[in-house]
Amino acid sequence: MWEEIHGFLSLEEFEQFVRYLEHETACGRALEVDADPTYGKGELYGGRWFQQVGSRVKWRLISPDAPFRGTWERIED
């Protein structure tokens, strides 16, 4: 089960997490799905969206952009 991340401590940590997600996708444990351009929780739009295989739960990854430290959060229906 994935857990939310509310701010990455460094760009290196963010890049490491991206590599983890890409590995999970390559191994078939996750799918990268199309982002809903109208979803804007917290006035944040876009990002990369993922779904764990076997689950209908979607997550989104938004890159850091100083002073914003990025986020990894569950998509609310």
PDB file of N, CA and C in Angstrom:
ATOM      1  N   MET A   1       0.844  -1.184   0.000  1.00  0.00           N
ATOM      2  CA  MET A   1       0.000   0.000   0.000  1.00  0.00           C
ATOM      3  C   MET A   1       0.885   1.242   0.000  1.00  0.00           C
ATOM      4  N   TRP A   2       0.561   2.182  -0.847  1.00  0.00           N
ATOM      5  CA  TRP A   2       1.312   3.426  -0.910  1.00  0.00           C
ATOM      6  C   TRP A   2       0.844   4.388   0.184  1.00  0.00           C
ATOM      7  N   GLU A   3       1.725   5.264   0.596  1.00  0.00           N
ATOM      8  CA  GLU A   3       1.400   6.289   1.581  1.00  0.00           C
ATOM      9  C   GLU A   3       1.690   7.658   0.988  1.00  0.00           C
ATOM     10  N   GLU A   4       0.909   8.626   1.403  1.00  0.00           N
ATOM     11  CA  GLU A   4       1.082   9.985   0.887  1.00  0.00           C
ATOM     12  C   GLU A   4       2.407  10.593   1.356  1.00  0.00           C
ATOM     13  N   ILE A   5       2.942  11.464   0.504  1.00  0.00           N
ATOM     14  CA  ILE A   5       4.143  12.241   0.818  1.00  0.00           C
ATOM     15  C   ILE A   5       3.773  13.699   0.605  1.00  0.00           C
ATOM     16  N   HIS A   6       3.871  14.469   1.655  1.00  0.00           N
ATOM     17  CA  HIS A   6       3.528  15.891   1.578  1.00  0.00           C
ATOM     18  C   HIS A   6       4.808  16.715   1.643  1.00  0.00           C
ATOM     19  N   GLY A   7       5.531  16.710   0.546  1.00  0.00           N
ATOM     20  CA  GLY A   7       6.774  17.473   0.453  1.00  0.00           C
ATOM     21  C   GLY A   7       7.998  16.577   0.500  1.00  0.00           C
ATOM     22  N   PHE A   8       8.757  16.608  -0.568  1.00  0.00           N
ATOM     23  CA  PHE A   8      10.005  15.851  -0.631  1.00  0.00           C
ATOM     24  C   PHE A   8      11.107  16.672   0.030  1.00  0.00           C
ATOM     25  N   LEU A   9      12.024  15.997   0.710  1.00  0.00           N
ATOM     26  CA  LEU A   9      13.081  16.687   1.439  1.00  0.00           C
ATOM     27  C   LEU A   9      14.149  17.271   0.528  1.00  0.00           C
ATOM     28  N   SER A  10      14.277  16.691  -0.672  1.00  0.00           N
ATOM     29  CA  SER A  10      15.285  17.169  -1.620  1.00  0.00           C
ATOM     30  C   SER A  10      14.889  16.733  -3.026  1.00  0.00           C
ATOM     31  N   LEU A  11      15.519  17.336  -4.013  1.00  0.00           N
ATOM     32  CA  LEU A  11      15.303  16.925  -5.395  1.00  0.00           C
ATOM     33  C   LEU A  11      15.777  15.486  -5.588  1.00  0.00           C
ATOM     34  N   GLU A  12      16.847  15.115  -4.907  1.00  0.00           N
ATOM     35  CA  GLU A  12      17.346  13.735  -5.002  1.00  0.00           C
ATOM     36  C   GLU A  12      16.308  12.736  -4.485  1.00  0.00           C
ATOM     37  N   GLU A  13      15.646  13.066  -3.384  1.00  0.00           N
ATOM     38  CA  GLU A  13      14.608  12.178  -2.857  1.00  0.00           C
ATOM     39  C   GLU A  13      13.460  12.053  -3.861  1.00  0.00           C
ATOM     40  N   PHE A  14      13.053  13.164  -4.460  1.00  0.00           N
ATOM     41  CA  PHE A  14      11.994  13.144  -5.462  1.00  0.00           C
ATOM     42  C   PHE A  14      12.410  12.266  -6.644  1.00  0.00           C
ATOM     43  N   GLU A  15      13.606  12.441  -7.159  1.00  0.00           N
ATOM     44  CA  GLU A  15      14.072  11.661  -8.305  1.00  0.00           C
ATOM     45  C   GLU A  15      14.158  10.178  -7.968  1.00  0.00           C
ATOM     46  N   GLN A  16      14.539   9.847  -6.757  1.00  0.00           N
ATOM     47  CA  GLN A  16      14.579   8.452  -6.318  1.00  0.00           C
ATOM     48  C   GLN A  16      13.164   7.871  -6.298  1.00  0.00           C
ATOM     49  N   PHE A  17      12.204   8.644  -5.849  1.00  0.00           N
ATOM     50  CA  PHE A  17      10.820   8.185  -5.826  1.00  0.00           C
ATOM     51  C   PHE A  17      10.290   7.981  -7.246  1.00  0.00           C
ATOM     52  N   VAL A  18      10.633   8.859  -8.163  1.00  0.00           N
ATOM     53  CA  VAL A  18      10.238   8.698  -9.567  1.00  0.00           C
ATOM     54  C   VAL A  18      10.803   7.391 -10.118  1.00  0.00           C
ATOM     55  N   ARG A  19      12.052   7.092  -9.817  1.00  0.00           N
ATOM     56  CA  ARG A  19      12.658   5.834 -10.271  1.00  0.00           C
ATOM     57  C   ARG A  19      11.908   4.635  -9.686  1.00  0.00           C
ATOM     58  N   TYR A  20      11.517   4.731  -8.417  1.00  0.00           N
ATOM     59  CA  TYR A  20      10.740   3.660  -7.785  1.00  0.00           C
ATOM     60  C   TYR A  20       9.421   3.454  -8.540  1.00  0.00           C
ATOM     61  N   LEU A  21       8.697   4.536  -8.826  1.00  0.00           N
ATOM     62  CA  LEU A  21       7.417   4.416  -9.535  1.00  0.00           C
ATOM     63  C   LEU A  21       7.614   3.836 -10.935  1.00  0.00           C
ATOM     64  N   GLU A  22       8.640   4.265 -11.624  1.00  0.00           N
ATOM     65  CA  GLU A  22       8.909   3.742 -12.969  1.00  0.00           C
ATOM     66  C   GLU A  22       9.270   2.258 -12.911  1.00  0.00           C
ATOM     67  N   HIS A  23       9.970   1.840 -11.867  1.00  0.00           N
ATOM     68  CA  HIS A  23      10.290   0.420 -11.673  1.00  0.00           C
ATOM     69  C   HIS A  23       9.008  -0.373 -11.408  1.00  0.00           C
ATOM     70  N   GLU A  24       8.138   0.137 -10.542  1.00  0.00           N
ATOM     71  CA  GLU A  24       6.869  -0.528 -10.257  1.00  0.00           C
ATOM     72  C   GLU A  24       6.033  -0.665 -11.532  1.00  0.00           C
ATOM     73  N   THR A  25       6.068   0.339 -12.374  1.00  0.00           N
ATOM     74  CA  THR A  25       5.335   0.308 -13.642  1.00  0.00           C
ATOM     75  C   THR A  25       5.951  -0.726 -14.583  1.00  0.00           C
ATOM     76  N   ALA A  26       7.267  -0.729 -14.691  1.00  0.00           N
ATOM     77  CA  ALA A  26       7.955  -1.676 -15.579  1.00  0.00           C
ATOM     78  C   ALA A  26       7.736  -3.126 -15.144  1.00  0.00           C
ATOM     79  N   CYS A  27       7.615  -3.347 -13.841  1.00  0.00           N
ATOM     80  CA  CYS A  27       7.401  -4.700 -13.308  1.00  0.00           C
ATOM     81  C   CYS A  27       5.936  -5.121 -13.340  1.00  0.00           C
ATOM     82  N   GLY A  28       5.053  -4.218 -13.748  1.00  0.00           N
ATOM     83  CA  GLY A  28       3.643  -4.549 -13.850  1.00  0.00           C
ATOM     84  C   GLY A  28       2.861  -4.429 -12.560  1.00  0.00           C
ATOM     85  N   ARG A  29       3.449  -3.820 -11.536  1.00  0.00           N
ATOM     86  CA  ARG A  29       2.742  -3.640 -10.262  1.00  0.00           C
ATOM     87  C   ARG A  29       1.987  -2.324 -10.197  1.00  0.00           C
ATOM     88  N   ALA A  30       2.223  -1.453 -11.189  1.00  0.00           N
ATOM     89  CA  ALA A  30       1.535  -0.169 -11.258  1.00  0.00           C
ATOM     90  C   ALA A  30       1.318   0.192 -12.720  1.00  0.00           C
ATOM     91  N   LEU A  31       0.340   1.044 -12.940  1.00  0.00           N
ATOM     92  CA  LEU A  31       0.061   1.565 -14.274  1.00  0.00           C
ATOM     93  C   LEU A  31       0.144   3.077 -14.221  1.00  0.00           C
ATOM     94  N   GLU A  32       0.742   3.680 -15.240  1.00  0.00           N
ATOM     95  CA  GLU A  32       0.652   5.125 -15.359  1.00  0.00           C
ATOM     96  C   GLU A  32      -0.598   5.403 -16.179  1.00  0.00           C
ATOM     97  N   VAL A  33      -1.463   6.250 -15.652  1.00  0.00           N
ATOM     98  CA  VAL A  33      -2.748   6.533 -16.294  1.00  0.00           C
ATOM     99  C   VAL A  33      -2.831   8.008 -16.648  1.00  0.00           C
ATOM    100  N   ASP A  34      -3.767   8.320 -17.538  1.00  0.00           N
ATOM    101  CA  ASP A  34      -3.954   9.717 -17.945  1.00  0.00           C
ATOM    102  C   ASP A  34      -4.471  10.551 -16.782  1.00  0.00           C
ATOM    103  N   ALA A  35      -3.899  11.720 -16.647  1.00  0.00           N
ATOM    104  CA  ALA A  35      -4.343  12.660 -15.616  1.00  0.00           C
ATOM    105  C   ALA A  35      -5.638  13.333 -16.068  1.00  0.00           C
ATOM    106  N   ASP A  36      -6.502  13.605 -15.112  1.00  0.00           N
ATOM    107  CA  ASP A  36      -7.722  14.362 -15.371  1.00  0.00           C
ATOM    108  C   ASP A  36      -7.362  15.840 -15.285  1.00  0.00           C
ATOM    109  N   PRO A  37      -7.405  16.570 -16.396  1.00  0.00           N
ATOM    110  CA  PRO A  37      -6.988  17.974 -16.381  1.00  0.00           C
ATOM    111  C   PRO A  37      -7.893  18.880 -15.547  1.00  0.00           C
ATOM    112  N   THR A  38      -9.072  18.393 -15.172  1.00  0.00           N
ATOM    113  CA  THR A  38      -9.983  19.216 -14.365  1.00  0.00           C
ATOM    114  C   THR A  38      -9.805  18.982 -12.865  1.00  0.00           C
ATOM    115  N   TYR A  39      -9.015  17.967 -12.486  1.00  0.00           N
ATOM    116  CA  TYR A  39      -8.804  17.676 -11.065  1.00  0.00           C
ATOM    117  C   TYR A  39      -7.767  18.654 -10.519  1.00  0.00           C
ATOM    118  N   GLY A  40      -8.148  19.416  -9.520  1.00  0.00           N
ATOM    119  CA  GLY A  40      -7.241  20.437  -9.001  1.00  0.00           C
ATOM    120  C   GLY A  40      -7.288  20.602  -7.502  1.00  0.00           C
ATOM    121  N   LYS A  41      -7.209  19.498  -6.774  1.00  0.00           N
ATOM    122  CA  LYS A  41      -7.200  19.578  -5.312  1.00  0.00           C
ATOM    123  C   LYS A  41      -6.077  20.511  -4.863  1.00  0.00           C
ATOM    124  N   GLY A  42      -6.404  21.408  -3.958  1.00  0.00           N
ATOM    125  CA  GLY A  42      -5.399  22.340  -3.454  1.00  0.00           C
ATOM    126  C   GLY A  42      -4.932  23.340  -4.494  1.00  0.00           C
ATOM    127  N   GLU A  43      -5.751  23.532  -5.520  1.00  0.00           N
ATOM    128  CA  GLU A  43      -5.393  24.435  -6.630  1.00  0.00           C
ATOM    129  C   GLU A  43      -4.157  23.955  -7.385  1.00  0.00           C
ATOM    130  N   LEU A  44      -3.899  22.650  -7.323  1.00  0.00           N
ATOM    131  CA  LEU A  44      -2.797  22.044  -8.066  1.00  0.00           C
ATOM    132  C   LEU A  44      -3.393  21.149  -9.145  1.00  0.00           C
ATOM    133  N   TYR A  45      -2.985  21.357 -10.371  1.00  0.00           N
ATOM    134  CA  TYR A  45      -3.479  20.583 -11.505  1.00  0.00           C
ATOM    135  C   TYR A  45      -2.335  19.791 -12.120  1.00  0.00           C
ATOM    136  N   GLY A  46      -2.714  18.722 -12.818  1.00  0.00           N
ATOM    137  CA  GLY A  46      -1.732  17.955 -13.585  1.00  0.00           C
ATOM    138  C   GLY A  46      -0.963  16.950 -12.765  1.00  0.00           C
ATOM    139  N   GLY A  47       0.299  16.825 -13.100  1.00  0.00           N
ATOM    140  CA  GLY A  47       1.150  15.821 -12.474  1.00  0.00           C
ATOM    141  C   GLY A  47       1.079  14.504 -13.229  1.00  0.00           C
ATOM    142  N   ARG A  48       1.776  13.535 -12.720  1.00  0.00           N
ATOM    143  CA  ARG A  48       1.736  12.184 -13.276  1.00  0.00           C
ATOM    144  C   ARG A  48       0.830  11.351 -12.388  1.00  0.00           C
ATOM    145  N   TRP A  49      -0.050  10.585 -13.004  1.00  0.00           N
ATOM    146  CA  TRP A  49      -1.005   9.771 -12.257  1.00  0.00           C
ATOM    147  C   TRP A  49      -0.657   8.297 -12.397  1.00  0.00           C
ATOM    148  N   PHE A  50      -0.828   7.564 -11.293  1.00  0.00           N
ATOM    149  CA  PHE A  50      -0.526   6.134 -11.252  1.00  0.00           C
ATOM    150  C   PHE A  50      -1.653   5.390 -10.554  1.00  0.00           C
ATOM    151  N   GLN A  51      -1.758   4.101 -10.870  1.00  0.00           N
ATOM    152  CA  GLN A  51      -2.728   3.235 -10.220  1.00  0.00           C
ATOM    153  C   GLN A  51      -2.042   1.919  -9.910  1.00  0.00           C
ATOM    154  N   GLN A  52      -2.204   1.443  -8.678  1.00  0.00           N
ATOM    155  CA  GLN A  52      -1.671   0.133  -8.330  1.00  0.00           C
ATOM    156  C   GLN A  52      -2.498  -0.934  -9.037  1.00  0.00           C
ATOM    157  N   VAL A  53      -1.831  -1.940  -9.590  1.00  0.00           N
ATOM    158  CA  VAL A  53      -2.531  -3.039 -10.241  1.00  0.00           C
ATOM    159  C   VAL A  53      -3.338  -3.777  -9.176  1.00  0.00           C
ATOM    160  N   GLY A  54      -4.557  -4.113  -9.519  1.00  0.00           N
ATOM    161  CA  GLY A  54      -5.436  -4.797  -8.577  1.00  0.00           C
ATOM    162  C   GLY A  54      -6.227  -3.834  -7.710  1.00  0.00           C
ATOM    163  N   SER A  55      -5.987  -2.558  -7.878  1.00  0.00           N
ATOM    164  CA  SER A  55      -6.689  -1.540  -7.103  1.00  0.00           C
ATOM    165  C   SER A  55      -7.257  -0.510  -8.071  1.00  0.00           C
ATOM    166  N   ARG A  56      -8.357   0.065  -7.709  1.00  0.00           N
ATOM    167  CA  ARG A  56      -8.933   1.132  -8.536  1.00  0.00           C
ATOM    168  C   ARG A  56      -8.515   2.500  -8.016  1.00  0.00           C
ATOM    169  N   VAL A  57      -7.652   2.515  -7.005  1.00  0.00           N
ATOM    170  CA  VAL A  57      -7.214   3.768  -6.391  1.00  0.00           C
ATOM    171  C   VAL A  57      -6.131   4.409  -7.252  1.00  0.00           C
ATOM    172  N   LYS A  58      -6.303   5.687  -7.515  1.00  0.00           N
ATOM    173  CA  LYS A  58      -5.326   6.436  -8.311  1.00  0.00           C
ATOM    174  C   LYS A  58      -4.580   7.409  -7.410  1.00  0.00           C
ATOM    175  N   TRP A  59      -3.353   7.673  -7.806  1.00  0.00           N
ATOM    176  CA  TRP A  59      -2.462   8.572  -7.078  1.00  0.00           C
ATOM    177  C   TRP A  59      -1.856   9.554  -8.063  1.00  0.00           C
ATOM    178  N   ARG A  60      -1.425  10.710  -7.548  1.00  0.00           N
ATOM    179  CA  ARG A  60      -0.742  11.644  -8.446  1.00  0.00           C
ATOM    180  C   ARG A  60       0.543  12.142  -7.798  1.00  0.00           C
ATOM    181  N   LEU A  61       1.488  12.374  -8.667  1.00  0.00           N
ATOM    182  CA  LEU A  61       2.801  12.877  -8.288  1.00  0.00           C
ATOM    183  C   LEU A  61       2.969  14.246  -8.921  1.00  0.00           C
ATOM    184  N   ILE A  62       3.232  15.233  -8.074  1.00  0.00           N
ATOM    185  CA  ILE A  62       3.482  16.585  -8.574  1.00  0.00           C
ATOM    186  C   ILE A  62       4.900  16.973  -8.185  1.00  0.00           C
ATOM    187  N   SER A  63       5.642  17.405  -9.183  1.00  0.00           N
ATOM    188  CA  SER A  63       7.061  17.741  -8.999  1.00  0.00           C
ATOM    189  C   SER A  63       7.250  18.949  -8.098  1.00  0.00           C
ATOM    190  N   PRO A  64       8.365  18.965  -7.383  1.00  0.00           N
ATOM    191  CA  PRO A  64       8.702  20.156  -6.604  1.00  0.00           C
ATOM    192  C   PRO A  64       8.949  21.349  -7.526  1.00  0.00           C
ATOM    193  N   ASP A  65       8.597  22.517  -7.039  1.00  0.00           N
ATOM    194  CA  ASP A  65       8.852  23.781  -7.728  1.00  0.00           C
ATOM    195  C   ASP A  65       8.944  24.833  -6.623  1.00  0.00           C
ATOM    196  N   ALA A  66      10.162  25.114  -6.194  1.00  0.00           N
ATOM    197  CA  ALA A  66      10.413  25.949  -5.012  1.00  0.00           C
ATOM    198  C   ALA A  66       9.527  27.187  -4.987  1.00  0.00           C
ATOM    199  N   PRO A  67       8.954  27.488  -3.835  1.00  0.00           N
ATOM    200  CA  PRO A  67       9.163  26.847  -2.529  1.00  0.00           C
ATOM    201  C   PRO A  67       8.314  25.599  -2.307  1.00  0.00           C
ATOM    202  N   PHE A  68       7.424  25.243  -3.257  1.00  0.00           N
ATOM    203  CA  PHE A  68       6.617  24.025  -3.153  1.00  0.00           C
ATOM    204  C   PHE A  68       7.525  22.810  -3.243  1.00  0.00           C
ATOM    205  N   ARG A  69       7.360  21.866  -2.323  1.00  0.00           N
ATOM    206  CA  ARG A  69       8.258  20.713  -2.250  1.00  0.00           C
ATOM    207  C   ARG A  69       7.718  19.462  -2.932  1.00  0.00           C
ATOM    208  N   GLY A  70       6.602  19.618  -3.671  1.00  0.00           N
ATOM    209  CA  GLY A  70       6.039  18.466  -4.382  1.00  0.00           C
ATOM    210  C   GLY A  70       5.110  17.673  -3.495  1.00  0.00           C
ATOM    211  N   THR A  71       4.392  16.745  -4.126  1.00  0.00           N
ATOM    212  CA  THR A  71       3.471  15.906  -3.365  1.00  0.00           C
ATOM    213  C   THR A  71       3.209  14.596  -4.079  1.00  0.00           C
ATOM    214  N   TRP A  72       2.886  13.593  -3.299  1.00  0.00           N
ATOM    215  CA  TRP A  72       2.422  12.287  -3.772  1.00  0.00           C
ATOM    216  C   TRP A  72       1.157  12.036  -2.969  1.00  0.00           C
ATOM    217  N   GLU A  73       0.007  12.056  -3.660  1.00  0.00           N
ATOM    218  CA  GLU A  73      -1.242  11.974  -2.921  1.00  0.00           C
ATOM    219  C   GLU A  73      -2.263  11.115  -3.636  1.00  0.00           C
ATOM    220  N   ARG A  74      -3.141  10.551  -2.825  1.00  0.00           N
ATOM    221  CA  ARG A  74      -4.241   9.740  -3.339  1.00  0.00           C
ATOM    222  C   ARG A  74      -5.269  10.673  -3.988  1.00  0.00           C
ATOM    223  N   ILE A  75      -5.786  10.257  -5.131  1.00  0.00           N
ATOM    224  CA  ILE A  75      -6.810  11.015  -5.833  1.00  0.00           C
ATOM    225  C   ILE A  75      -8.147  10.772  -5.148  1.00  0.00           C
ATOM    226  N   GLU A  76      -8.822  11.849  -4.809  1.00  0.00           N
ATOM    227  CA  GLU A  76     -10.139  11.734  -4.194  1.00  0.00           C
ATOM    228  C   GLU A  76     -11.191  11.659  -5.288  1.00  0.00           C
ATOM    229  N   ASP A  77     -12.106  10.708  -5.146  1.00  0.00           N
ATOM    230  CA  ASP A  77     -13.187  10.555  -6.132  1.00  0.00           C
ATOM    231  C   ASP A  77     -14.178  11.685  -6.040  1.00  0.00           C
TER     232      ASP A  77
END
